[in-house]
Amino acid sequence: MPICRGMARDRQSGGGGPSQRQLRVGELIRRRLADVLARGEIHDPELNRLSITVGEVRTSPDLKVATAYVMPLGGSGVDEAMTLLARNRGELRRLVGRALSLKFTPELRFRVDELFDRMDETRRLFADETVQRDVAGGDSDDDGRD
């Protein structure tokens, strides 16, 4: 039994990543937010004309804050999209909250999803001739010493 209490204490202190509940609620929020944005349910025509991808939603341990990582389709107009999302944060929160069965609807925060930029940089690095030569050379970490 002491092991269980210790594990619960570690989870509450943030040691070891998000809990199953945080992951589940984050995914529910991501899906609902993506649906709201795709269907144009917001009363802002400027926001409705944009196609915005919701890549991930991370929630705080107490589920009171949800950070959505978003990117406009094509990657252009990021500043405009972030401004429009911030301007409509209250309505988005209300629409997302209707789909959740939580005591409190989390405060929504929006951040630019830089995952695609990091993937492009990784592809560029792997395409480099020097890296290709090192990869093709195999696992020969032998420096000639025995």
C-alpha atoms as a PDB file:
ATOM      1  CA  MET A   1       0.000   0.000   0.000  1.00  0.00           C
ATOM      2  CA  PRO A   2       2.804   2.556   0.654  1.00  0.00           C
ATOM      3  CA  ILE A   3       3.873   2.135  -2.985  1.00  0.00           C
ATOM      4  CA  CYS A   4       0.459   3.335  -4.191  1.00  0.00           C
ATOM      5  CA  ARG A   5       0.551   6.415  -1.985  1.00  0.00           C
ATOM      6  CA  GLY A   6       4.037   7.262  -3.203  1.00  0.00           C
ATOM      7  CA  MET A   7       2.985   6.883  -6.829  1.00  0.00           C
ATOM      8  CA  ALA A   8       0.014   9.177  -6.316  1.00  0.00           C
ATOM      9  CA  ARG A   9       2.266  11.765  -4.700  1.00  0.00           C
ATOM     10  CA  ASP A  10       4.717  11.598  -7.639  1.00  0.00           C
ATOM     11  CA  ARG A  11       1.898  12.052 -10.149  1.00  0.00           C
ATOM     12  CA  GLN A  12       0.548  15.095  -8.323  1.00  0.00           C
ATOM     13  CA  SER A  13       3.961  16.753  -8.152  1.00  0.00           C
ATOM     14  CA  GLY A  14       4.369  16.475 -11.919  1.00  0.00           C
ATOM     15  CA  GLY A  15       7.042  13.793 -11.905  1.00  0.00           C
ATOM     16  CA  GLY A  16       6.629  11.617 -14.975  1.00  0.00           C
ATOM     17  CA  GLY A  17       4.534  13.587 -17.452  1.00  0.00           C
ATOM     18  CA  PRO A  18       0.815  14.120 -17.855  1.00  0.00           C
ATOM     19  CA  SER A  19      -1.728  11.835 -16.233  1.00  0.00           C
ATOM     20  CA  GLN A  20      -4.158   9.689 -18.204  1.00  0.00           C
ATOM     21  CA  ARG A  21      -6.919  12.134 -17.305  1.00  0.00           C
ATOM     22  CA  GLN A  22      -4.926  15.095 -18.614  1.00  0.00           C
ATOM     23  CA  LEU A  23      -4.265  13.256 -21.872  1.00  0.00           C
ATOM     24  CA  ARG A  24      -7.912  12.222 -22.256  1.00  0.00           C
ATOM     25  CA  VAL A  25      -9.285  15.709 -21.540  1.00  0.00           C
ATOM     26  CA  GLY A  26      -6.668  17.283 -23.812  1.00  0.00           C
ATOM     27  CA  GLU A  27      -7.709  15.038 -26.685  1.00  0.00           C
ATOM     28  CA  LEU A  28     -11.416  15.768 -26.093  1.00  0.00           C
ATOM     29  CA  ILE A  29     -10.705  19.498 -26.168  1.00  0.00           C
ATOM     30  CA  ARG A  30      -8.552  19.134 -29.298  1.00  0.00           C
ATOM     31  CA  ARG A  31     -11.293  17.285 -31.174  1.00  0.00           C
ATOM     32  CA  ARG A  32     -14.037  19.694 -30.131  1.00  0.00           C
ATOM     33  CA  LEU A  33     -11.932  22.767 -30.877  1.00  0.00           C
ATOM     34  CA  ALA A  34     -11.004  21.381 -34.299  1.00  0.00           C
ATOM     35  CA  ASP A  35     -14.704  20.707 -35.031  1.00  0.00           C
ATOM     36  CA  VAL A  36     -15.759  24.196 -33.932  1.00  0.00           C
ATOM     37  CA  LEU A  37     -13.107  25.819 -36.111  1.00  0.00           C
ATOM     38  CA  ALA A  38     -13.771  23.552 -39.112  1.00  0.00           C
ATOM     39  CA  ARG A  39     -17.537  24.089 -39.022  1.00  0.00           C
ATOM     40  CA  GLY A  40     -17.285  27.851 -38.551  1.00  0.00           C
ATOM     41  CA  GLU A  41     -19.392  27.862 -35.380  1.00  0.00           C
ATOM     42  CA  ILE A  42     -17.825  31.124 -34.184  1.00  0.00           C
ATOM     43  CA  HIS A  43     -19.637  34.410 -34.756  1.00  0.00           C
ATOM     44  CA  ASP A  44     -16.511  35.978 -36.253  1.00  0.00           C
ATOM     45  CA  PRO A  45     -16.402  35.843 -40.060  1.00  0.00           C
ATOM     46  CA  GLU A  46     -12.675  36.666 -40.064  1.00  0.00           C
ATOM     47  CA  LEU A  47     -11.880  33.575 -37.975  1.00  0.00           C
ATOM     48  CA  ASN A  48     -14.333  31.408 -39.921  1.00  0.00           C
ATOM     49  CA  ARG A  49     -12.575  32.107 -43.223  1.00  0.00           C
ATOM     50  CA  LEU A  50      -9.325  30.605 -41.901  1.00  0.00           C
ATOM     51  CA  SER A  51      -8.523  26.904 -41.874  1.00  0.00           C
ATOM     52  CA  ILE A  52      -6.735  26.213 -38.605  1.00  0.00           C
ATOM     53  CA  THR A  53      -5.207  22.902 -37.605  1.00  0.00           C
ATOM     54  CA  VAL A  54      -5.249  21.977 -33.907  1.00  0.00           C
ATOM     55  CA  GLY A  55      -2.256  19.694 -33.491  1.00  0.00           C
ATOM     56  CA  GLU A  56      -2.313  19.104 -29.761  1.00  0.00           C
ATOM     57  CA  VAL A  57      -3.902  20.340 -26.540  1.00  0.00           C
ATOM     58  CA  ARG A  58      -2.048  20.075 -23.247  1.00  0.00           C
ATOM     59  CA  THR A  59      -3.846  20.588 -19.968  1.00  0.00           C
ATOM     60  CA  SER A  60      -2.499  21.680 -16.619  1.00  0.00           C
ATOM     61  CA  PRO A  61      -2.570  19.053 -13.823  1.00  0.00           C
ATOM     62  CA  ASP A  62      -5.666  20.686 -12.274  1.00  0.00           C
ATOM     63  CA  LEU A  63      -7.368  20.849 -15.728  1.00  0.00           C
ATOM     64  CA  LYS A  64      -8.023  24.580 -15.351  1.00  0.00           C
ATOM     65  CA  VAL A  65      -5.795  25.636 -18.261  1.00  0.00           C
ATOM     66  CA  ALA A  66      -5.672  24.068 -21.719  1.00  0.00           C
ATOM     67  CA  THR A  67      -2.956  25.126 -24.157  1.00  0.00           C
ATOM     68  CA  ALA A  68      -3.856  24.466 -27.790  1.00  0.00           C
ATOM     69  CA  TYR A  69      -1.039  24.212 -30.328  1.00  0.00           C
ATOM     70  CA  VAL A  70      -2.443  25.508 -33.613  1.00  0.00           C
ATOM     71  CA  MET A  71      -1.296  26.348 -37.125  1.00  0.00           C
ATOM     72  CA  PRO A  72      -3.168  27.933 -40.029  1.00  0.00           C
ATOM     73  CA  LEU A  73      -3.368  25.674 -43.057  1.00  0.00           C
ATOM     74  CA  GLY A  74      -0.351  26.339 -45.254  1.00  0.00           C
ATOM     75  CA  GLY A  75       1.519  28.030 -42.414  1.00  0.00           C
ATOM     76  CA  SER A  76       0.806  31.587 -43.576  1.00  0.00           C
ATOM     77  CA  GLY A  77      -1.088  34.181 -41.563  1.00  0.00           C
ATOM     78  CA  VAL A  78       0.066  32.885 -38.188  1.00  0.00           C
ATOM     79  CA  ASP A  79      -0.059  36.294 -36.473  1.00  0.00           C
ATOM     80  CA  GLU A  80      -3.567  37.004 -37.765  1.00  0.00           C
ATOM     81  CA  ALA A  81      -4.784  33.566 -36.678  1.00  0.00           C
ATOM     82  CA  MET A  82      -3.339  33.964 -33.189  1.00  0.00           C
ATOM     83  CA  THR A  83      -4.942  37.409 -32.839  1.00  0.00           C
ATOM     84  CA  LEU A  84      -8.338  36.105 -33.971  1.00  0.00           C
ATOM     85  CA  LEU A  85      -8.169  33.085 -31.674  1.00  0.00           C
ATOM     86  CA  ALA A  86      -7.271  35.295 -28.724  1.00  0.00           C
ATOM     87  CA  ARG A  87     -10.115  37.675 -29.590  1.00  0.00           C
ATOM     88  CA  ASN A  88     -12.618  34.787 -29.673  1.00  0.00           C
ATOM     89  CA  ARG A  89     -11.200  32.845 -26.717  1.00  0.00           C
ATOM     90  CA  GLY A  90     -14.353  33.278 -24.599  1.00  0.00           C
ATOM     91  CA  GLU A  91     -16.736  31.992 -27.253  1.00  0.00           C
ATOM     92  CA  LEU A  92     -14.395  29.104 -28.076  1.00  0.00           C
ATOM     93  CA  ARG A  93     -14.222  28.192 -24.397  1.00  0.00           C
ATOM     94  CA  ARG A  94     -18.026  28.218 -24.144  1.00  0.00           C
ATOM     95  CA  LEU A  95     -18.450  26.025 -27.235  1.00  0.00           C
ATOM     96  CA  VAL A  96     -15.774  23.577 -26.084  1.00  0.00           C
ATOM     97  CA  GLY A  97     -17.260  23.481 -22.579  1.00  0.00           C
ATOM     98  CA  ARG A  98     -20.622  22.305 -23.898  1.00  0.00           C
ATOM     99  CA  ALA A  99     -18.999  19.086 -25.110  1.00  0.00           C
ATOM    100  CA  LEU A 100     -17.111  18.374 -21.889  1.00  0.00           C
ATOM    101  CA  SER A 101     -18.509  16.877 -18.735  1.00  0.00           C
ATOM    102  CA  LEU A 102     -16.152  18.688 -16.396  1.00  0.00           C
ATOM    103  CA  LYS A 103     -16.943  20.757 -13.347  1.00  0.00           C
ATOM    104  CA  PHE A 104     -15.031  23.687 -14.857  1.00  0.00           C
ATOM    105  CA  THR A 105     -14.240  24.465 -18.479  1.00  0.00           C
ATOM    106  CA  PRO A 106     -10.499  25.087 -18.824  1.00  0.00           C
ATOM    107  CA  GLU A 107      -9.185  28.499 -19.794  1.00  0.00           C
ATOM    108  CA  LEU A 108      -7.968  28.268 -23.400  1.00  0.00           C
ATOM    109  CA  ARG A 109      -4.543  29.470 -24.421  1.00  0.00           C
ATOM    110  CA  PHE A 110      -3.195  29.327 -27.935  1.00  0.00           C
ATOM    111  CA  ARG A 111       0.389  28.730 -29.055  1.00  0.00           C
ATOM    112  CA  VAL A 112       1.880  28.267 -32.502  1.00  0.00           C
ATOM    113  CA  ASP A 113       2.470  24.601 -33.317  1.00  0.00           C
ATOM    114  CA  GLU A 114       6.101  24.420 -34.420  1.00  0.00           C
ATOM    115  CA  LEU A 115       6.148  20.647 -34.902  1.00  0.00           C
ATOM    116  CA  PHE A 116       6.093  20.875 -38.694  1.00  0.00           C
ATOM    117  CA  ASP A 117       8.983  23.362 -38.687  1.00  0.00           C
ATOM    118  CA  ARG A 118      11.020  20.995 -36.506  1.00  0.00           C
ATOM    119  CA  MET A 119      10.188  18.060 -38.801  1.00  0.00           C
ATOM    120  CA  ASP A 120      11.293  20.076 -41.847  1.00  0.00           C
ATOM    121  CA  GLU A 121      14.568  20.960 -40.116  1.00  0.00           C
ATOM    122  CA  THR A 122      15.130  17.299 -39.223  1.00  0.00           C
ATOM    123  CA  ARG A 123      14.512  16.259 -42.839  1.00  0.00           C
ATOM    124  CA  ARG A 124      16.940  18.941 -44.012  1.00  0.00           C
ATOM    125  CA  LEU A 125      19.600  17.693 -41.605  1.00  0.00           C
ATOM    126  CA  PHE A 126      19.176  14.072 -42.725  1.00  0.00           C
ATOM    127  CA  ALA A 127      19.413  15.147 -46.373  1.00  0.00           C
ATOM    128  CA  ASP A 128      22.803  16.801 -45.757  1.00  0.00           C
ATOM    129  CA  GLU A 129      25.654  15.016 -47.585  1.00  0.00           C
ATOM    130  CA  THR A 130      27.815  14.774 -44.464  1.00  0.00           C
ATOM    131  CA  VAL A 131      25.029  13.158 -42.462  1.00  0.00           C
ATOM    132  CA  GLN A 132      24.198  10.802 -45.350  1.00  0.00           C
ATOM    133  CA  ARG A 133      27.857   9.749 -45.524  1.00  0.00           C
ATOM    134  CA  ASP A 134      27.919   9.124 -41.760  1.00  0.00           C
ATOM    135  CA  VAL A 135      24.687   7.124 -41.890  1.00  0.00           C
ATOM    136  CA  ALA A 136      25.874   5.064 -44.880  1.00  0.00           C
ATOM    137  CA  GLY A 137      29.153   4.352 -43.064  1.00  0.00           C
ATOM    138  CA  GLY A 138      27.239   2.227 -40.581  1.00  0.00           C
ATOM    139  CA  ASP A 139      28.102   1.667 -36.950  1.00  0.00           C
ATOM    140  CA  SER A 140      31.851   1.847 -37.372  1.00  0.00           C
ATOM    141  CA  ASP A 141      32.819   3.700 -34.248  1.00  0.00           C
ATOM    142  CA  ASP A 142      36.154   1.921 -34.451  1.00  0.00           C
ATOM    143  CA  ASP A 143      39.010   4.377 -34.136  1.00  0.00           C
ATOM    144  CA  GLY A 144      41.684   1.758 -34.803  1.00  0.00           C
ATOM    145  CA  ARG A 145      42.388   0.959 -31.148  1.00  0.00           C
ATOM    146  CA  ASP A 146      41.870  -2.494 -29.690  1.00  0.00           C
END
